[in-house]
Amino acid sequence: MKRLVAISTLALLTFLSSPSRAASSAAGAKSIPEAAIRAVLGAQVADWNRGDVDAFMKSYWKSEATEFVGANGVVRGWQAVLDRYRKAYPDRQAMGTLTFSDLEVNVLCPTVALVTGHYHLQREKDQPSGVFTLVFRKFPEGWKIINDHTSASLGNRE
């Protein structure tokens, strides 16, 4: 009987430590940062669609090391990125209505994630769209974008 209990216990421990169980646990741990990052992106869309660039920029790391990379080159520093947005989108009409799609959140480690996706602006006179890659870093105040590389689709160069 003791032998049967020992074999059963060993089988149970083997099952509980199996790779599929470990992968399931890792996926569960990964979903918490992913959900938080998706919430940041959702807030960005809401802020943009209210015409609030200042609130939109709260998703970016407020640092001189923050970068925006686009068709016109590299913009460095949180304030410079904010100034770029204000210049490119001076009013609500220029901002249009923003949507994100095809979002892929890849948590690289507990404090860094890479996000790719598509953006689309619906405006009265045009509909610019393109792709982006965002590098997120987790800070005590939450997940922030430290690098934004946005490329307009051909024919939509801004």
N, C-alpha and C. Protein backbone atom coordinates (compact mmCIF):
# COMPACT_ATOMS: atom_id res chain seq x y z
N MET A 1 0.82 -1.20 0.00
CA MET A 1 0.00 0.00 0.00
C MET A 1 0.87 1.26 0.00
N LYS A 2 1.94 1.26 0.83
CA LYS A 2 2.83 2.42 0.87
C LYS A 2 3.46 2.65 -0.50
N ARG A 3 3.77 1.55 -1.17
CA ARG A 3 4.37 1.66 -2.49
C ARG A 3 3.39 2.30 -3.48
N LEU A 4 2.13 1.95 -3.43
CA LEU A 4 1.10 2.52 -4.30
C LEU A 4 0.93 4.02 -4.05
N VAL A 5 0.95 4.42 -2.79
CA VAL A 5 0.86 5.84 -2.43
C VAL A 5 2.08 6.59 -2.96
N ALA A 6 3.25 6.02 -2.83
CA ALA A 6 4.48 6.66 -3.31
C ALA A 6 4.44 6.82 -4.83
N ILE A 7 4.01 5.79 -5.54
CA ILE A 7 3.91 5.86 -7.00
C ILE A 7 2.86 6.89 -7.42
N SER A 8 1.74 6.92 -6.75
CA SER A 8 0.69 7.90 -7.06
C SER A 8 1.17 9.32 -6.81
N THR A 9 1.88 9.52 -5.70
CA THR A 9 2.42 10.84 -5.38
C THR A 9 3.43 11.27 -6.43
N LEU A 10 4.31 10.37 -6.83
CA LEU A 10 5.31 10.67 -7.85
C LEU A 10 4.62 11.02 -9.18
N ALA A 11 3.60 10.29 -9.55
CA ALA A 11 2.87 10.57 -10.79
C ALA A 11 2.21 11.94 -10.74
N LEU A 12 1.61 12.27 -9.60
CA LEU A 12 0.96 13.56 -9.44
C LEU A 12 1.98 14.70 -9.53
N LEU A 13 3.12 14.55 -8.86
CA LEU A 13 4.16 15.57 -8.91
C LEU A 13 4.70 15.74 -10.33
N THR A 14 4.85 14.63 -11.05
CA THR A 14 5.31 14.70 -12.44
C THR A 14 4.30 15.47 -13.29
N PHE A 15 3.01 15.19 -13.12
CA PHE A 15 1.97 15.89 -13.86
C PHE A 15 1.97 17.38 -13.55
N LEU A 16 2.07 17.72 -12.27
CA LEU A 16 2.01 19.13 -11.87
C LEU A 16 3.21 19.93 -12.36
N SER A 17 4.34 19.26 -12.57
CA SER A 17 5.53 19.98 -13.02
C SER A 17 5.76 19.82 -14.52
N SER A 18 4.79 19.30 -15.23
CA SER A 18 4.95 19.07 -16.67
C SER A 18 5.08 20.40 -17.41
N PRO A 19 5.73 20.38 -18.59
CA PRO A 19 5.90 21.61 -19.36
C PRO A 19 4.59 22.31 -19.70
N SER A 20 3.53 21.56 -19.99
CA SER A 20 2.27 22.22 -20.35
C SER A 20 1.72 23.00 -19.16
N ARG A 21 1.87 22.47 -17.97
CA ARG A 21 1.43 23.17 -16.77
C ARG A 21 2.29 24.41 -16.53
N ALA A 22 3.61 24.26 -16.73
CA ALA A 22 4.52 25.39 -16.57
C ALA A 22 4.21 26.47 -17.60
N ALA A 23 3.92 26.06 -18.84
CA ALA A 23 3.57 27.03 -19.88
C ALA A 23 2.28 27.74 -19.53
N SER A 24 1.33 27.00 -18.98
CA SER A 24 0.07 27.62 -18.58
C SER A 24 0.29 28.66 -17.50
N SER A 25 1.15 28.35 -16.53
CA SER A 25 1.47 29.32 -15.48
C SER A 25 2.17 30.53 -16.04
N ALA A 26 3.10 30.30 -16.97
CA ALA A 26 3.82 31.42 -17.59
C ALA A 26 2.85 32.29 -18.38
N ALA A 27 1.92 31.67 -19.09
CA ALA A 27 0.93 32.44 -19.86
C ALA A 27 0.07 33.27 -18.93
N GLY A 28 -0.31 32.72 -17.78
CA GLY A 28 -1.10 33.47 -16.81
C GLY A 28 -0.34 34.66 -16.27
N ALA A 29 0.95 34.46 -15.99
CA ALA A 29 1.77 35.57 -15.49
C ALA A 29 1.96 36.61 -16.58
N LYS A 30 2.05 36.18 -17.84
CA LYS A 30 2.24 37.10 -18.95
C LYS A 30 0.99 37.93 -19.21
N SER A 31 -0.19 37.38 -18.93
CA SER A 31 -1.42 38.07 -19.25
C SER A 31 -1.64 39.32 -18.38
N ILE A 32 -1.07 39.34 -17.19
CA ILE A 32 -1.23 40.52 -16.32
C ILE A 32 -0.54 41.74 -16.94
N PRO A 33 0.75 41.66 -17.33
CA PRO A 33 1.35 42.82 -17.99
C PRO A 33 0.67 43.14 -19.32
N GLU A 34 0.29 42.11 -20.07
CA GLU A 34 -0.36 42.35 -21.35
C GLU A 34 -1.66 43.12 -21.17
N ALA A 35 -2.45 42.75 -20.18
CA ALA A 35 -3.70 43.45 -19.91
C ALA A 35 -3.44 44.90 -19.53
N ALA A 36 -2.41 45.12 -18.71
CA ALA A 36 -2.07 46.49 -18.30
C ALA A 36 -1.63 47.33 -19.49
N ILE A 37 -0.84 46.74 -20.38
CA ILE A 37 -0.37 47.46 -21.57
C ILE A 37 -1.53 47.76 -22.51
N ARG A 38 -2.41 46.80 -22.69
CA ARG A 38 -3.59 47.03 -23.54
C ARG A 38 -4.48 48.12 -22.95
N ALA A 39 -4.53 48.21 -21.63
CA ALA A 39 -5.30 49.29 -20.97
C ALA A 39 -4.66 50.65 -21.27
N VAL A 40 -3.33 50.72 -21.27
CA VAL A 40 -2.63 51.97 -21.61
C VAL A 40 -2.98 52.37 -23.04
N LEU A 41 -2.95 51.41 -23.95
CA LEU A 41 -3.27 51.71 -25.35
C LEU A 41 -4.73 52.13 -25.51
N GLY A 42 -5.62 51.51 -24.76
CA GLY A 42 -7.02 51.90 -24.78
C GLY A 42 -7.22 53.33 -24.29
N ALA A 43 -6.48 53.68 -23.24
CA ALA A 43 -6.54 55.05 -22.71
C ALA A 43 -6.00 56.03 -23.74
N GLN A 44 -4.95 55.64 -24.45
CA GLN A 44 -4.41 56.52 -25.49
C GLN A 44 -5.45 56.82 -26.55
N VAL A 45 -6.13 55.79 -27.02
CA VAL A 45 -7.17 55.98 -28.04
C VAL A 45 -8.27 56.91 -27.52
N ALA A 46 -8.71 56.68 -26.29
CA ALA A 46 -9.76 57.52 -25.70
C ALA A 46 -9.30 58.96 -25.57
N ASP A 47 -8.06 59.16 -25.10
CA ASP A 47 -7.52 60.52 -24.94
C ASP A 47 -7.42 61.22 -26.29
N TRP A 48 -6.91 60.51 -27.28
CA TRP A 48 -6.77 61.07 -28.63
C TRP A 48 -8.13 61.47 -29.18
N ASN A 49 -9.08 60.58 -29.05
CA ASN A 49 -10.40 60.83 -29.63
C ASN A 49 -11.18 61.92 -28.89
N ARG A 50 -10.72 62.30 -27.70
CA ARG A 50 -11.27 63.48 -27.00
C ARG A 50 -10.52 64.74 -27.40
N GLY A 51 -9.46 64.58 -28.19
CA GLY A 51 -8.66 65.73 -28.60
C GLY A 51 -7.68 66.18 -27.53
N ASP A 52 -7.31 65.29 -26.62
CA ASP A 52 -6.46 65.64 -25.47
C ASP A 52 -5.05 65.07 -25.65
N VAL A 53 -4.20 65.79 -26.38
CA VAL A 53 -2.84 65.34 -26.63
C VAL A 53 -2.05 65.25 -25.32
N ASP A 54 -2.28 66.17 -24.39
CA ASP A 54 -1.55 66.12 -23.11
C ASP A 54 -1.84 64.81 -22.36
N ALA A 55 -3.10 64.40 -22.33
CA ALA A 55 -3.45 63.14 -21.67
C ALA A 55 -2.88 61.96 -22.46
N PHE A 56 -2.92 62.02 -23.78
CA PHE A 56 -2.34 60.99 -24.64
C PHE A 56 -0.87 60.78 -24.30
N MET A 57 -0.16 61.85 -24.04
CA MET A 57 1.27 61.78 -23.75
C MET A 57 1.59 61.22 -22.36
N LYS A 58 0.59 61.06 -21.50
CA LYS A 58 0.85 60.45 -20.19
C LYS A 58 1.27 58.99 -20.32
N SER A 59 1.05 58.41 -21.49
CA SER A 59 1.44 57.02 -21.75
C SER A 59 2.93 56.90 -22.07
N TYR A 60 3.57 58.03 -22.32
CA TYR A 60 5.00 58.04 -22.64
C TYR A 60 5.82 58.32 -21.38
N TRP A 61 7.01 57.73 -21.33
CA TRP A 61 7.95 57.98 -20.23
C TRP A 61 8.39 59.43 -20.29
N LYS A 62 8.22 60.14 -19.21
CA LYS A 62 8.57 61.56 -19.16
C LYS A 62 10.07 61.68 -18.89
N SER A 63 10.84 61.54 -19.98
CA SER A 63 12.30 61.50 -19.88
C SER A 63 12.92 62.07 -21.16
N GLU A 64 14.13 62.55 -21.02
CA GLU A 64 14.89 63.00 -22.19
C GLU A 64 15.30 61.81 -23.07
N ALA A 65 15.19 60.60 -22.54
CA ALA A 65 15.57 59.40 -23.28
C ALA A 65 14.43 58.83 -24.13
N THR A 66 13.22 59.34 -23.97
CA THR A 66 12.09 58.88 -24.76
C THR A 66 12.33 59.22 -26.23
N GLU A 67 11.95 58.30 -27.12
CA GLU A 67 12.18 58.52 -28.55
C GLU A 67 10.93 58.25 -29.38
N PHE A 68 10.76 59.07 -30.40
CA PHE A 68 9.75 58.84 -31.44
C PHE A 68 10.50 58.77 -32.76
N VAL A 69 10.30 57.69 -33.50
CA VAL A 69 10.96 57.50 -34.80
C VAL A 69 9.87 57.46 -35.86
N GLY A 70 9.99 58.34 -36.84
CA GLY A 70 9.01 58.39 -37.92
C GLY A 70 9.67 58.76 -39.24
N ALA A 71 8.86 59.07 -40.23
CA ALA A 71 9.37 59.40 -41.57
C ALA A 71 10.30 60.60 -41.57
N ASN A 72 10.13 61.50 -40.61
CA ASN A 72 10.97 62.70 -40.56
C ASN A 72 12.18 62.55 -39.65
N GLY A 73 12.45 61.35 -39.19
CA GLY A 73 13.64 61.12 -38.37
C GLY A 73 13.30 60.78 -36.93
N VAL A 74 14.30 60.98 -36.08
CA VAL A 74 14.19 60.63 -34.67
C VAL A 74 13.96 61.90 -33.85
N VAL A 75 12.97 61.85 -32.98
CA VAL A 75 12.70 62.94 -32.04
C VAL A 75 13.03 62.38 -30.66
N ARG A 76 13.90 63.07 -29.93
CA ARG A 76 14.32 62.59 -28.61
C ARG A 76 13.84 63.52 -27.51
N GLY A 77 13.32 62.91 -26.46
CA GLY A 77 12.87 63.66 -25.30
C GLY A 77 11.36 63.78 -25.27
N TRP A 78 10.79 63.55 -24.08
CA TRP A 78 9.34 63.59 -23.92
C TRP A 78 8.75 64.91 -24.41
N GLN A 79 9.34 66.03 -24.01
CA GLN A 79 8.82 67.34 -24.41
C GLN A 79 8.88 67.52 -25.92
N ALA A 80 9.95 67.06 -26.55
CA ALA A 80 10.08 67.17 -28.00
C ALA A 80 9.03 66.31 -28.71
N VAL A 81 8.73 65.14 -28.15
CA VAL A 81 7.68 64.28 -28.73
C VAL A 81 6.32 64.97 -28.60
N LEU A 82 6.05 65.56 -27.43
CA LEU A 82 4.81 66.30 -27.24
C LEU A 82 4.72 67.45 -28.24
N ASP A 83 5.80 68.21 -28.39
CA ASP A 83 5.82 69.32 -29.35
C ASP A 83 5.56 68.83 -30.77
N ARG A 84 6.12 67.67 -31.12
CA ARG A 84 5.91 67.09 -32.44
C ARG A 84 4.43 66.78 -32.65
N TYR A 85 3.80 66.16 -31.65
CA TYR A 85 2.36 65.85 -31.77
C TYR A 85 1.54 67.13 -31.89
N ARG A 86 1.86 68.13 -31.09
CA ARG A 86 1.09 69.38 -31.14
C ARG A 86 1.22 70.06 -32.51
N LYS A 87 2.41 70.00 -33.10
CA LYS A 87 2.64 70.62 -34.41
C LYS A 87 1.92 69.83 -35.51
N ALA A 88 2.04 68.51 -35.47
CA ALA A 88 1.45 67.67 -36.52
C ALA A 88 -0.08 67.61 -36.42
N TYR A 89 -0.59 67.78 -35.20
CA TYR A 89 -2.05 67.68 -34.95
C TYR A 89 -2.50 68.88 -34.14
N PRO A 90 -2.58 70.05 -34.78
CA PRO A 90 -2.84 71.29 -34.05
C PRO A 90 -4.26 71.46 -33.52
N ASP A 91 -5.21 70.68 -34.06
CA ASP A 91 -6.59 70.83 -33.61
C ASP A 91 -7.33 69.50 -33.73
N ARG A 92 -8.54 69.48 -33.25
CA ARG A 92 -9.36 68.27 -33.23
C ARG A 92 -9.59 67.71 -34.64
N GLN A 93 -9.78 68.59 -35.60
CA GLN A 93 -10.00 68.16 -36.98
C GLN A 93 -8.77 67.43 -37.52
N ALA A 94 -7.59 67.95 -37.25
CA ALA A 94 -6.35 67.31 -37.71
C ALA A 94 -6.13 65.97 -37.02
N MET A 95 -6.62 65.85 -35.79
CA MET A 95 -6.43 64.61 -35.04
C MET A 95 -7.32 63.49 -35.56
N GLY A 96 -8.52 63.80 -35.97
CA GLY A 96 -9.43 62.77 -36.44
C GLY A 96 -9.79 61.79 -35.33
N THR A 97 -10.26 60.63 -35.75
CA THR A 97 -10.63 59.57 -34.82
C THR A 97 -9.65 58.42 -34.99
N LEU A 98 -9.01 58.05 -33.90
CA LEU A 98 -7.95 57.03 -33.91
C LEU A 98 -8.50 55.65 -33.57
N THR A 99 -8.02 54.65 -34.28
CA THR A 99 -8.26 53.26 -33.90
C THR A 99 -6.94 52.50 -34.03
N PHE A 100 -6.76 51.51 -33.17
CA PHE A 100 -5.64 50.58 -33.26
C PHE A 100 -6.21 49.22 -33.62
N SER A 101 -5.45 48.45 -34.37
CA SER A 101 -5.86 47.08 -34.70
C SER A 101 -4.64 46.18 -34.77
N ASP A 102 -4.90 44.89 -34.83
CA ASP A 102 -3.85 43.88 -34.97
C ASP A 102 -2.75 44.04 -33.91
N LEU A 103 -3.15 44.37 -32.70
CA LEU A 103 -2.18 44.56 -31.63
C LEU A 103 -1.57 43.22 -31.21
N GLU A 104 -0.25 43.21 -31.11
CA GLU A 104 0.47 42.06 -30.59
C GLU A 104 1.35 42.56 -29.46
N VAL A 105 1.13 42.02 -28.27
CA VAL A 105 1.90 42.41 -27.09
C VAL A 105 2.82 41.25 -26.74
N ASN A 106 4.11 41.50 -26.81
CA ASN A 106 5.11 40.49 -26.47
C ASN A 106 5.86 40.94 -25.23
N VAL A 107 5.57 40.29 -24.12
CA VAL A 107 6.25 40.61 -22.86
C VAL A 107 7.60 39.92 -22.91
N LEU A 108 8.67 40.72 -22.96
CA LEU A 108 10.02 40.18 -23.10
C LEU A 108 10.62 39.77 -21.76
N CYS A 109 10.25 40.48 -20.72
CA CYS A 109 10.66 40.17 -19.36
C CYS A 109 9.68 40.91 -18.44
N PRO A 110 9.76 40.76 -17.15
CA PRO A 110 8.76 41.39 -16.27
C PRO A 110 8.65 42.91 -16.39
N THR A 111 9.67 43.57 -16.96
CA THR A 111 9.63 45.04 -17.02
C THR A 111 9.73 45.62 -18.43
N VAL A 112 9.73 44.78 -19.45
CA VAL A 112 9.86 45.28 -20.83
C VAL A 112 8.93 44.50 -21.75
N ALA A 113 8.27 45.22 -22.64
CA ALA A 113 7.39 44.58 -23.63
C ALA A 113 7.53 45.29 -24.96
N LEU A 114 7.29 44.52 -26.02
CA LEU A 114 7.31 45.04 -27.38
C LEU A 114 5.90 44.89 -27.94
N VAL A 115 5.38 45.98 -28.48
CA VAL A 115 4.01 45.98 -29.02
C VAL A 115 4.07 46.39 -30.48
N THR A 116 3.38 45.63 -31.32
CA THR A 116 3.24 46.02 -32.72
C THR A 116 1.75 46.13 -33.03
N GLY A 117 1.44 46.94 -34.01
CA GLY A 117 0.04 47.09 -34.40
C GLY A 117 -0.12 48.03 -35.57
N HIS A 118 -1.37 48.23 -35.93
CA HIS A 118 -1.75 49.17 -36.99
C HIS A 118 -2.53 50.33 -36.37
N TYR A 119 -2.35 51.51 -36.94
CA TYR A 119 -3.18 52.65 -36.54
C TYR A 119 -3.95 53.13 -37.76
N HIS A 120 -5.07 53.76 -37.48
CA HIS A 120 -5.89 54.33 -38.55
C HIS A 120 -6.53 55.61 -38.01
N LEU A 121 -6.42 56.68 -38.77
CA LEU A 121 -7.09 57.93 -38.44
C LEU A 121 -8.21 58.17 -39.44
N GLN A 122 -9.38 58.41 -38.92
CA GLN A 122 -10.53 58.76 -39.76
C GLN A 122 -10.69 60.28 -39.66
N ARG A 123 -10.45 60.95 -40.79
CA ARG A 123 -10.59 62.41 -40.83
C ARG A 123 -11.51 62.78 -41.98
N GLU A 124 -11.95 64.02 -41.97
CA GLU A 124 -12.88 64.48 -42.99
C GLU A 124 -12.31 64.35 -44.41
N LYS A 125 -11.04 64.70 -44.58
CA LYS A 125 -10.47 64.75 -45.92
C LYS A 125 -9.57 63.57 -46.27
N ASP A 126 -9.14 62.79 -45.29
CA ASP A 126 -8.26 61.66 -45.58
C ASP A 126 -8.33 60.63 -44.46
N GLN A 127 -7.64 59.52 -44.67
CA GLN A 127 -7.64 58.44 -43.69
C GLN A 127 -6.23 57.86 -43.56
N PRO A 128 -5.32 58.59 -42.95
CA PRO A 128 -3.96 58.07 -42.81
C PRO A 128 -3.95 56.81 -41.94
N SER A 129 -3.04 55.91 -42.30
CA SER A 129 -2.90 54.69 -41.53
C SER A 129 -1.47 54.20 -41.65
N GLY A 130 -1.12 53.24 -40.83
CA GLY A 130 0.22 52.70 -40.88
C GLY A 130 0.44 51.69 -39.77
N VAL A 131 1.70 51.44 -39.50
CA VAL A 131 2.08 50.45 -38.49
C VAL A 131 2.96 51.11 -37.44
N PHE A 132 3.04 50.47 -36.29
CA PHE A 132 3.91 50.99 -35.23
C PHE A 132 4.51 49.85 -34.42
N THR A 133 5.64 50.16 -33.84
CA THR A 133 6.30 49.30 -32.87
C THR A 133 6.57 50.16 -31.65
N LEU A 134 6.11 49.71 -30.51
CA LEU A 134 6.31 50.44 -29.25
C LEU A 134 7.12 49.58 -28.29
N VAL A 135 8.08 50.20 -27.64
CA VAL A 135 8.79 49.54 -26.55
C VAL A 135 8.23 50.11 -25.26
N PHE A 136 7.66 49.24 -24.44
CA PHE A 136 7.11 49.62 -23.14
C PHE A 136 8.07 49.19 -22.05
N ARG A 137 8.15 49.99 -21.01
CA ARG A 137 8.93 49.64 -19.82
C ARG A 137 8.05 49.86 -18.60
N LYS A 138 8.16 48.96 -17.65
CA LYS A 138 7.36 49.09 -16.43
C LYS A 138 8.12 49.91 -15.40
N PHE A 139 7.47 50.94 -14.93
CA PHE A 139 8.00 51.82 -13.89
C PHE A 139 7.10 51.70 -12.67
N PRO A 140 7.51 52.24 -11.53
CA PRO A 140 6.64 52.18 -10.35
C PRO A 140 5.24 52.75 -10.60
N GLU A 141 5.14 53.75 -11.48
CA GLU A 141 3.84 54.35 -11.79
C GLU A 141 3.09 53.63 -12.90
N GLY A 142 3.68 52.55 -13.44
CA GLY A 142 3.00 51.76 -14.46
C GLY A 142 3.80 51.63 -15.74
N TRP A 143 3.17 51.03 -16.75
CA TRP A 143 3.80 50.81 -18.04
C TRP A 143 3.81 52.09 -18.86
N LYS A 144 4.99 52.42 -19.42
CA LYS A 144 5.16 53.64 -20.22
C LYS A 144 5.88 53.31 -21.52
N ILE A 145 5.57 54.06 -22.56
CA ILE A 145 6.25 53.92 -23.85
C ILE A 145 7.58 54.64 -23.76
N ILE A 146 8.66 53.93 -24.07
CA ILE A 146 9.98 54.57 -24.07
C ILE A 146 10.48 54.80 -25.49
N ASN A 147 9.92 54.04 -26.45
CA ASN A 147 10.30 54.21 -27.85
C ASN A 147 9.08 53.92 -28.72
N ASP A 148 8.81 54.81 -29.66
CA ASP A 148 7.67 54.69 -30.57
C ASP A 148 8.21 54.82 -31.99
N HIS A 149 8.10 53.77 -32.76
CA HIS A 149 8.50 53.82 -34.17
C HIS A 149 7.24 53.64 -34.99
N THR A 150 6.79 54.72 -35.61
CA THR A 150 5.56 54.72 -36.38
C THR A 150 5.85 54.99 -37.84
N SER A 151 5.30 54.17 -38.71
CA SER A 151 5.50 54.33 -40.15
C SER A 151 4.14 54.42 -40.82
N ALA A 152 3.96 55.47 -41.61
CA ALA A 152 2.73 55.63 -42.38
C ALA A 152 2.76 54.67 -43.56
N SER A 153 1.60 54.19 -43.95
CA SER A 153 1.50 53.35 -45.15
C SER A 153 1.81 54.20 -46.36
N LEU A 154 2.26 53.57 -47.42
CA LEU A 154 2.58 54.30 -48.64
C LEU A 154 1.37 55.13 -49.06
N GLY A 155 1.61 56.36 -49.44
CA GLY A 155 0.53 57.26 -49.83
C GLY A 155 -0.03 58.04 -48.65
N ASN A 156 0.44 57.73 -47.44
CA ASN A 156 -0.04 58.41 -46.23
C ASN A 156 1.09 59.10 -45.49
N ARG A 157 2.15 59.40 -46.15
CA ARG A 157 3.30 60.00 -45.45
C ARG A 157 2.94 61.33 -44.83
N GLU A 158 3.29 61.45 -43.54
CA GLU A 158 3.02 62.71 -42.82
C GLU A 158 4.30 63.45 -42.57
